[in-house]
Amino acid sequence: MTTDVSYKELSLNGLWKNNPAIVQLLGLCPLLAVTGSVVNAIGLALATTLVLVTSNTCVSLIRNIVSDAIRLPVFVMIIAAAVTCTELLMQAFAYELYQILGIFLPLITTNCVILGRADGFACKNSLLPSVYDGLIMGVGFGVILILLGAMRELAGTGALFADMDLLFGPAAADWKVVLFENYESFLLAILPPGAFIFTGLIIAVKNIIDGRIQARMDALKEKPEAGSRRVRVTGTIS
């Protein structure tokens, strides 16, 4: 089955209206556990996006030859294969970061965002929309990961972009930016309770923005159209 797809609507859903991290609240386990620093967040965001795009691509290609009875086991096998390939790539090119992310890399297989997009979108749509859906959902998830990582790293250490060489090589060794000199570390921000607090703040800010947008749209609907004319219904026409 193929449905009409609006790329604008897919973008709005992935980045804002149906963001997997702060609207659907999926994939919270790695999101809360790994985002102690920006480099960790970027590493997990890239891995998740790669798996999303790969699994959506494969599911869309085979959607017409897989029966409904076995589709979910097949989708899980595709996702597991994509995660294994991603792990091997990270071992080859960013081994130290691979060790830091640890168990949360193979756990991408159980991320509900990925299986949900494969079963809810890719198996019903053609190749290009499915690839774009996987990409934009991964970007939306990754933006929240990186934002959360930046907030926690800044509040926890007073600096940003530490240890970026783990992902980008020796050239990124001096990318660290110290924003607060002689800052005493705030351990709570780096620990899991800090992840819950900052995630709640991000969700609260989004809800405030959505509320203001809705209030403005309601006000525009109630505003009378400019240039409208009244029709006289009283008096006598001579």
C-alpha atoms as a PDB file:
ATOM      1  CA  MET A   1       0.000   0.000   0.000  1.00  0.00           C
ATOM      2  CA  THR A   2       1.372   3.427  -0.909  1.00  0.00           C
ATOM      3  CA  THR A   3       0.103   6.614   0.683  1.00  0.00           C
ATOM      4  CA  ASP A   4       0.456  10.217  -0.403  1.00  0.00           C
ATOM      5  CA  VAL A   5       3.444  11.630   1.445  1.00  0.00           C
ATOM      6  CA  SER A   6       4.214  15.247   2.246  1.00  0.00           C
ATOM      7  CA  TYR A   7       7.919  15.783   2.916  1.00  0.00           C
ATOM      8  CA  LYS A   8       7.075  19.025   4.731  1.00  0.00           C
ATOM      9  CA  GLU A   9       4.762  17.132   7.073  1.00  0.00           C
ATOM     10  CA  LEU A  10       7.403  14.418   7.598  1.00  0.00           C
ATOM     11  CA  SER A  11       9.935  17.109   8.527  1.00  0.00           C
ATOM     12  CA  LEU A  12       7.575  18.830  10.965  1.00  0.00           C
ATOM     13  CA  ASN A  13       6.698  15.512  12.573  1.00  0.00           C
ATOM     14  CA  GLY A  14      10.282  14.322  12.943  1.00  0.00           C
ATOM     15  CA  LEU A  15      11.736  17.583  14.202  1.00  0.00           C
ATOM     16  CA  TRP A  16       8.893  18.997  16.284  1.00  0.00           C
ATOM     17  CA  LYS A  17       5.261  17.815  16.275  1.00  0.00           C
ATOM     18  CA  ASN A  18       5.994  14.096  16.710  1.00  0.00           C
ATOM     19  CA  ASN A  19       9.605  14.153  17.861  1.00  0.00           C
ATOM     20  CA  PRO A  20      10.463  10.634  19.097  1.00  0.00           C
ATOM     21  CA  ALA A  21      12.381  11.854  22.165  1.00  0.00           C
ATOM     22  CA  ILE A  22      10.202  14.608  23.649  1.00  0.00           C
ATOM     23  CA  VAL A  23       6.732  13.876  22.204  1.00  0.00           C
ATOM     24  CA  GLN A  24       6.541  10.114  21.733  1.00  0.00           C
ATOM     25  CA  LEU A  25       8.978   9.670  24.669  1.00  0.00           C
ATOM     26  CA  LEU A  26      10.588   6.660  22.980  1.00  0.00           C
ATOM     27  CA  GLY A  27      14.215   5.580  23.318  1.00  0.00           C
ATOM     28  CA  LEU A  28      14.525   7.229  26.724  1.00  0.00           C
ATOM     29  CA  CYS A  29      16.814   4.550  28.150  1.00  0.00           C
ATOM     30  CA  PRO A  30      19.889   5.405  26.022  1.00  0.00           C
ATOM     31  CA  LEU A  31      18.880   9.075  25.884  1.00  0.00           C
ATOM     32  CA  LEU A  32      19.014   9.431  29.660  1.00  0.00           C
ATOM     33  CA  ALA A  33      22.016   7.167  30.199  1.00  0.00           C
ATOM     34  CA  VAL A  34      24.444   8.295  27.508  1.00  0.00           C
ATOM     35  CA  THR A  35      24.010  12.066  27.285  1.00  0.00           C
ATOM     36  CA  GLY A  36      26.543  12.999  29.966  1.00  0.00           C
ATOM     37  CA  SER A  37      28.615  14.788  27.305  1.00  0.00           C
ATOM     38  CA  VAL A  38      28.226  16.134  23.786  1.00  0.00           C
ATOM     39  CA  VAL A  39      30.568  13.603  22.197  1.00  0.00           C
ATOM     40  CA  ASN A  40      28.623  10.673  23.659  1.00  0.00           C
ATOM     41  CA  ALA A  41      25.365  12.200  22.433  1.00  0.00           C
ATOM     42  CA  ILE A  42      26.710  12.734  18.915  1.00  0.00           C
ATOM     43  CA  GLY A  43      28.028   9.159  18.781  1.00  0.00           C
ATOM     44  CA  LEU A  44      24.676   7.648  19.769  1.00  0.00           C
ATOM     45  CA  ALA A  45      22.770  10.063  17.497  1.00  0.00           C
ATOM     46  CA  LEU A  46      24.837   9.046  14.460  1.00  0.00           C
ATOM     47  CA  ALA A  47      24.463   5.345  15.255  1.00  0.00           C
ATOM     48  CA  THR A  48      20.693   5.607  15.751  1.00  0.00           C
ATOM     49  CA  THR A  49      20.213   7.651  12.573  1.00  0.00           C
ATOM     50  CA  LEU A  50      22.248   5.168  10.524  1.00  0.00           C
ATOM     51  CA  VAL A  51      20.177   2.259  11.827  1.00  0.00           C
ATOM     52  CA  LEU A  52      16.906   4.135  11.200  1.00  0.00           C
ATOM     53  CA  VAL A  53      17.804   4.938   7.590  1.00  0.00           C
ATOM     54  CA  THR A  54      19.132   1.433   6.873  1.00  0.00           C
ATOM     55  CA  SER A  55      16.189  -0.410   8.414  1.00  0.00           C
ATOM     56  CA  ASN A  56      13.596   1.844   6.758  1.00  0.00           C
ATOM     57  CA  THR A  57      15.325   1.326   3.407  1.00  0.00           C
ATOM     58  CA  CYS A  58      15.406  -2.464   3.671  1.00  0.00           C
ATOM     59  CA  VAL A  59      11.842  -2.739   4.996  1.00  0.00           C
ATOM     60  CA  SER A  60      10.500  -0.549   2.192  1.00  0.00           C
ATOM     61  CA  LEU A  61      12.284  -2.648  -0.440  1.00  0.00           C
ATOM     62  CA  ILE A  62      10.878  -5.974   0.808  1.00  0.00           C
ATOM     63  CA  ARG A  63       7.453  -4.777   1.954  1.00  0.00           C
ATOM     64  CA  ASN A  64       5.610  -6.436  -0.938  1.00  0.00           C
ATOM     65  CA  ILE A  65       7.195  -9.874  -0.539  1.00  0.00           C
ATOM     66  CA  VAL A  66       6.913 -10.372   3.226  1.00  0.00           C
ATOM     67  CA  SER A  67       3.623 -11.678   4.624  1.00  0.00           C
ATOM     68  CA  ASP A  68       1.992 -10.096   7.646  1.00  0.00           C
ATOM     69  CA  ALA A  69       2.474 -13.309   9.651  1.00  0.00           C
ATOM     70  CA  ILE A  70       6.261 -12.977   9.723  1.00  0.00           C
ATOM     71  CA  ARG A  71       6.799  -9.274   9.137  1.00  0.00           C
ATOM     72  CA  LEU A  72       7.745  -8.328  12.711  1.00  0.00           C
ATOM     73  CA  PRO A  73      10.438 -11.066  13.125  1.00  0.00           C
ATOM     74  CA  VAL A  74      11.828 -10.075   9.721  1.00  0.00           C
ATOM     75  CA  PHE A  75      11.919  -6.386  10.701  1.00  0.00           C
ATOM     76  CA  VAL A  76      13.707  -7.201  13.972  1.00  0.00           C
ATOM     77  CA  MET A  77      16.315  -9.245  12.092  1.00  0.00           C
ATOM     78  CA  ILE A  78      16.902  -6.364   9.682  1.00  0.00           C
ATOM     79  CA  ILE A  79      17.300  -3.918  12.575  1.00  0.00           C
ATOM     80  CA  ALA A  80      19.650  -6.282  14.417  1.00  0.00           C
ATOM     81  CA  ALA A  81      21.786  -6.667  11.285  1.00  0.00           C
ATOM     82  CA  ALA A  82      21.936  -2.877  10.856  1.00  0.00           C
ATOM     83  CA  VAL A  83      22.953  -2.443  14.501  1.00  0.00           C
ATOM     84  CA  THR A  84      25.690  -5.067  14.138  1.00  0.00           C
ATOM     85  CA  CYS A  85      27.106  -3.278  11.077  1.00  0.00           C
ATOM     86  CA  THR A  86      26.991   0.039  12.966  1.00  0.00           C
ATOM     87  CA  GLU A  87      28.827  -1.506  15.913  1.00  0.00           C
ATOM     88  CA  LEU A  88      31.535  -2.849  13.606  1.00  0.00           C
ATOM     89  CA  LEU A  89      31.944   0.573  11.986  1.00  0.00           C
ATOM     90  CA  MET A  90      32.273   2.241  15.371  1.00  0.00           C
ATOM     91  CA  GLN A  91      34.798  -0.369  16.512  1.00  0.00           C
ATOM     92  CA  ALA A  92      36.839   0.337  13.395  1.00  0.00           C
ATOM     93  CA  PHE A  93      36.770   4.143  13.466  1.00  0.00           C
ATOM     94  CA  ALA A  94      35.948   5.217  17.057  1.00  0.00           C
ATOM     95  CA  TYR A  95      36.894   2.333  19.300  1.00  0.00           C
ATOM     96  CA  GLU A  96      37.249   4.328  22.532  1.00  0.00           C
ATOM     97  CA  LEU A  97      33.806   5.902  22.062  1.00  0.00           C
ATOM     98  CA  TYR A  98      32.437   2.440  21.241  1.00  0.00           C
ATOM     99  CA  GLN A  99      33.688   1.242  24.632  1.00  0.00           C
ATOM    100  CA  ILE A 100      32.158   4.256  26.418  1.00  0.00           C
ATOM    101  CA  LEU A 101      28.726   3.742  24.824  1.00  0.00           C
ATOM    102  CA  GLY A 102      28.970   0.060  25.773  1.00  0.00           C
ATOM    103  CA  ILE A 103      25.697  -1.852  26.077  1.00  0.00           C
ATOM    104  CA  PHE A 104      23.627   1.036  24.721  1.00  0.00           C
ATOM    105  CA  LEU A 105      24.834   0.402  21.170  1.00  0.00           C
ATOM    106  CA  PRO A 106      23.425  -3.157  20.863  1.00  0.00           C
ATOM    107  CA  LEU A 107      20.334  -1.971  22.729  1.00  0.00           C
ATOM    108  CA  ILE A 108      19.480   0.185  19.689  1.00  0.00           C
ATOM    109  CA  THR A 109      17.925  -3.040  18.376  1.00  0.00           C
ATOM    110  CA  THR A 110      15.186  -2.733  20.982  1.00  0.00           C
ATOM    111  CA  ASN A 111      14.627   0.993  20.465  1.00  0.00           C
ATOM    112  CA  CYS A 112      10.882   1.393  19.887  1.00  0.00           C
ATOM    113  CA  VAL A 113      11.483   4.364  17.575  1.00  0.00           C
ATOM    114  CA  ILE A 114      13.175   2.157  14.978  1.00  0.00           C
ATOM    115  CA  LEU A 115      10.697  -0.730  15.006  1.00  0.00           C
ATOM    116  CA  GLY A 116       7.831   1.765  15.113  1.00  0.00           C
ATOM    117  CA  ARG A 117       8.983   3.601  11.983  1.00  0.00           C
ATOM    118  CA  ALA A 118       9.678   0.337  10.162  1.00  0.00           C
ATOM    119  CA  ASP A 119       6.247  -1.108  10.916  1.00  0.00           C
ATOM    120  CA  GLY A 120       4.263   2.127  10.954  1.00  0.00           C
ATOM    121  CA  PHE A 121       5.724   3.892   7.932  1.00  0.00           C
ATOM    122  CA  ALA A 122       8.360   2.068   5.866  1.00  0.00           C
ATOM    123  CA  CYS A 123       6.283  -1.068   5.269  1.00  0.00           C
ATOM    124  CA  LYS A 124       3.489   1.104   3.803  1.00  0.00           C
ATOM    125  CA  ASN A 125       5.477   3.524   1.651  1.00  0.00           C
ATOM    126  CA  SER A 126       7.909   3.543  -1.247  1.00  0.00           C
ATOM    127  CA  LEU A 127      11.682   3.839  -0.963  1.00  0.00           C
ATOM    128  CA  LEU A 128      12.364   7.586  -1.034  1.00  0.00           C
ATOM    129  CA  PRO A 129       9.749   8.639   1.542  1.00  0.00           C
ATOM    130  CA  SER A 130      10.874   5.795   3.804  1.00  0.00           C
ATOM    131  CA  VAL A 131      14.532   6.816   3.589  1.00  0.00           C
ATOM    132  CA  TYR A 132      13.597  10.438   4.294  1.00  0.00           C
ATOM    133  CA  ASP A 133      11.387   9.429   7.205  1.00  0.00           C
ATOM    134  CA  GLY A 134      14.231   7.445   8.778  1.00  0.00           C
ATOM    135  CA  LEU A 135      16.647  10.324   8.248  1.00  0.00           C
ATOM    136  CA  ILE A 136      14.413  13.057   9.652  1.00  0.00           C
ATOM    137  CA  MET A 137      13.340  10.953  12.643  1.00  0.00           C
ATOM    138  CA  GLY A 138      17.001  10.244  13.361  1.00  0.00           C
ATOM    139  CA  VAL A 139      17.857  13.926  13.062  1.00  0.00           C
ATOM    140  CA  GLY A 140      14.989  14.873  15.409  1.00  0.00           C
ATOM    141  CA  PHE A 141      16.111  12.284  17.947  1.00  0.00           C
ATOM    142  CA  GLY A 142      19.748  13.336  17.544  1.00  0.00           C
ATOM    143  CA  VAL A 143      19.033  17.037  18.053  1.00  0.00           C
ATOM    144  CA  ILE A 144      17.458  16.291  21.430  1.00  0.00           C
ATOM    145  CA  LEU A 145      20.350  13.984  22.345  1.00  0.00           C
ATOM    146  CA  ILE A 146      22.942  16.652  21.529  1.00  0.00           C
ATOM    147  CA  LEU A 147      20.955  19.439  23.227  1.00  0.00           C
ATOM    148  CA  LEU A 148      20.596  17.338  26.363  1.00  0.00           C
ATOM    149  CA  GLY A 149      24.280  16.372  26.255  1.00  0.00           C
ATOM    150  CA  ALA A 150      25.316  20.023  25.921  1.00  0.00           C
ATOM    151  CA  MET A 151      23.101  21.114  28.823  1.00  0.00           C
ATOM    152  CA  ARG A 152      24.385  18.359  31.111  1.00  0.00           C
ATOM    153  CA  GLU A 153      28.046  18.817  30.166  1.00  0.00           C
ATOM    154  CA  LEU A 154      27.875  22.588  30.611  1.00  0.00           C
ATOM    155  CA  ALA A 155      26.070  22.390  33.948  1.00  0.00           C
ATOM    156  CA  GLY A 156      28.247  19.534  35.143  1.00  0.00           C
ATOM    157  CA  THR A 157      31.710  20.741  34.146  1.00  0.00           C
ATOM    158  CA  GLY A 158      31.384  24.355  32.991  1.00  0.00           C
ATOM    159  CA  ALA A 159      32.778  23.403  29.555  1.00  0.00           C
ATOM    160  CA  LEU A 160      31.600  22.077  26.201  1.00  0.00           C
ATOM    161  CA  PHE A 161      32.932  19.727  23.508  1.00  0.00           C
ATOM    162  CA  ALA A 162      35.414  17.834  25.708  1.00  0.00           C
ATOM    163  CA  ASP A 163      36.998  14.658  24.274  1.00  0.00           C
ATOM    164  CA  MET A 164      35.706  15.312  20.769  1.00  0.00           C
ATOM    165  CA  ASP A 165      38.821  13.554  19.454  1.00  0.00           C
ATOM    166  CA  LEU A 166      37.163  10.264  20.428  1.00  0.00           C
ATOM    167  CA  LEU A 167      34.852  10.722  17.441  1.00  0.00           C
ATOM    168  CA  PHE A 168      36.535  13.192  15.098  1.00  0.00           C
ATOM    169  CA  GLY A 169      40.191  12.223  15.543  1.00  0.00           C
ATOM    170  CA  PRO A 170      43.293  14.068  16.830  1.00  0.00           C
ATOM    171  CA  ALA A 171      42.355  17.277  14.980  1.00  0.00           C
ATOM    172  CA  ALA A 172      39.442  17.730  17.429  1.00  0.00           C
ATOM    173  CA  ALA A 173      41.553  17.370  20.567  1.00  0.00           C
ATOM    174  CA  ASP A 174      41.535  21.129  21.215  1.00  0.00           C
ATOM    175  CA  TRP A 175      37.843  21.745  20.469  1.00  0.00           C
ATOM    176  CA  LYS A 176      37.025  21.926  24.182  1.00  0.00           C
ATOM    177  CA  VAL A 177      35.569  25.303  25.162  1.00  0.00           C
ATOM    178  CA  VAL A 178      35.778  26.339  28.817  1.00  0.00           C
ATOM    179  CA  LEU A 179      32.926  28.775  29.494  1.00  0.00           C
ATOM    180  CA  PHE A 180      33.308  29.098  33.251  1.00  0.00           C
ATOM    181  CA  GLU A 181      36.829  29.257  34.648  1.00  0.00           C
ATOM    182  CA  ASN A 182      37.444  27.663  38.068  1.00  0.00           C
ATOM    183  CA  TYR A 183      33.987  26.064  37.889  1.00  0.00           C
ATOM    184  CA  GLU A 184      33.306  23.481  40.576  1.00  0.00           C
ATOM    185  CA  SER A 185      31.705  20.440  38.985  1.00  0.00           C
ATOM    186  CA  PHE A 186      27.972  19.899  39.539  1.00  0.00           C
ATOM    187  CA  LEU A 187      27.773  16.123  39.794  1.00  0.00           C
ATOM    188  CA  LEU A 188      23.967  15.917  39.757  1.00  0.00           C
ATOM    189  CA  ALA A 189      23.858  17.218  36.170  1.00  0.00           C
ATOM    190  CA  ILE A 190      26.036  14.373  34.919  1.00  0.00           C
ATOM    191  CA  LEU A 191      24.299  11.615  36.893  1.00  0.00           C
ATOM    192  CA  PRO A 192      21.006  10.025  35.664  1.00  0.00           C
ATOM    193  CA  PRO A 193      18.815  12.255  37.911  1.00  0.00           C
ATOM    194  CA  GLY A 194      20.229  15.247  36.053  1.00  0.00           C
ATOM    195  CA  ALA A 195      19.172  13.669  32.770  1.00  0.00           C
ATOM    196  CA  PHE A 196      15.579  13.418  34.002  1.00  0.00           C
ATOM    197  CA  ILE A 197      15.596  17.056  35.178  1.00  0.00           C
ATOM    198  CA  PHE A 198      16.965  18.482  31.925  1.00  0.00           C
ATOM    199  CA  THR A 199      14.704  16.291  29.790  1.00  0.00           C
ATOM    200  CA  GLY A 200      11.729  17.589  31.747  1.00  0.00           C
ATOM    201  CA  LEU A 201      12.890  21.172  31.177  1.00  0.00           C
ATOM    202  CA  ILE A 202      13.141  20.605  27.411  1.00  0.00           C
ATOM    203  CA  ILE A 203       9.643  19.086  27.317  1.00  0.00           C
ATOM    204  CA  ALA A 204       8.280  21.985  29.386  1.00  0.00           C
ATOM    205  CA  VAL A 205       9.796  24.589  27.045  1.00  0.00           C
ATOM    206  CA  LYS A 206       8.330  22.779  24.014  1.00  0.00           C
ATOM    207  CA  ASN A 207       4.897  22.711  25.634  1.00  0.00           C
ATOM    208  CA  ILE A 208       5.091  26.458  26.393  1.00  0.00           C
ATOM    209  CA  ILE A 209       6.042  27.232  22.780  1.00  0.00           C
ATOM    210  CA  ASP A 210       3.232  24.989  21.462  1.00  0.00           C
ATOM    211  CA  GLY A 211       0.756  26.692  23.780  1.00  0.00           C
ATOM    212  CA  ARG A 212       1.730  30.167  22.553  1.00  0.00           C
ATOM    213  CA  ILE A 213       1.549  29.095  18.910  1.00  0.00           C
ATOM    214  CA  GLN A 214      -1.924  27.623  19.470  1.00  0.00           C
ATOM    215  CA  ALA A 215      -3.095  30.774  21.298  1.00  0.00           C
ATOM    216  CA  ARG A 216      -1.882  32.950  18.420  1.00  0.00           C
ATOM    217  CA  MET A 217      -3.633  30.753  15.857  1.00  0.00           C
ATOM    218  CA  ASP A 218      -6.874  30.899  17.887  1.00  0.00           C
ATOM    219  CA  ALA A 219      -6.604  34.692  18.083  1.00  0.00           C
ATOM    220  CA  LEU A 220      -6.142  34.936  14.313  1.00  0.00           C
ATOM    221  CA  LYS A 221      -9.239  32.797  13.743  1.00  0.00           C
ATOM    222  CA  GLU A 222     -11.345  35.092  15.949  1.00  0.00           C
ATOM    223  CA  LYS A 223     -10.070  38.308  14.340  1.00  0.00           C
ATOM    224  CA  PRO A 224     -12.624  39.770  11.820  1.00  0.00           C
ATOM    225  CA  GLU A 225     -11.506  39.928   8.230  1.00  0.00           C
ATOM    226  CA  ALA A 226     -10.090  43.304   7.181  1.00  0.00           C
ATOM    227  CA  GLY A 227     -12.256  45.296   4.770  1.00  0.00           C
ATOM    228  CA  SER A 228     -15.494  43.432   5.523  1.00  0.00           C
ATOM    229  CA  ARG A 229     -18.666  45.458   4.986  1.00  0.00           C
ATOM    230  CA  ARG A 230     -21.807  45.546   7.072  1.00  0.00           C
ATOM    231  CA  VAL A 231     -25.072  44.925   5.345  1.00  0.00           C
ATOM    232  CA  ARG A 232     -27.862  47.310   6.375  1.00  0.00           C
ATOM    233  CA  VAL A 233     -30.871  45.344   7.489  1.00  0.00           C
ATOM    234  CA  THR A 234     -32.901  48.157   9.137  1.00  0.00           C
ATOM    235  CA  GLY A 235     -34.595  51.288   7.776  1.00  0.00           C
ATOM    236  CA  THR A 236     -36.640  51.895   4.659  1.00  0.00           C
ATOM    237  CA  ILE A 237     -35.357  52.004   1.132  1.00  0.00           C
ATOM    238  CA  SER A 238     -37.086  54.844  -0.749  1.00  0.00           C
END
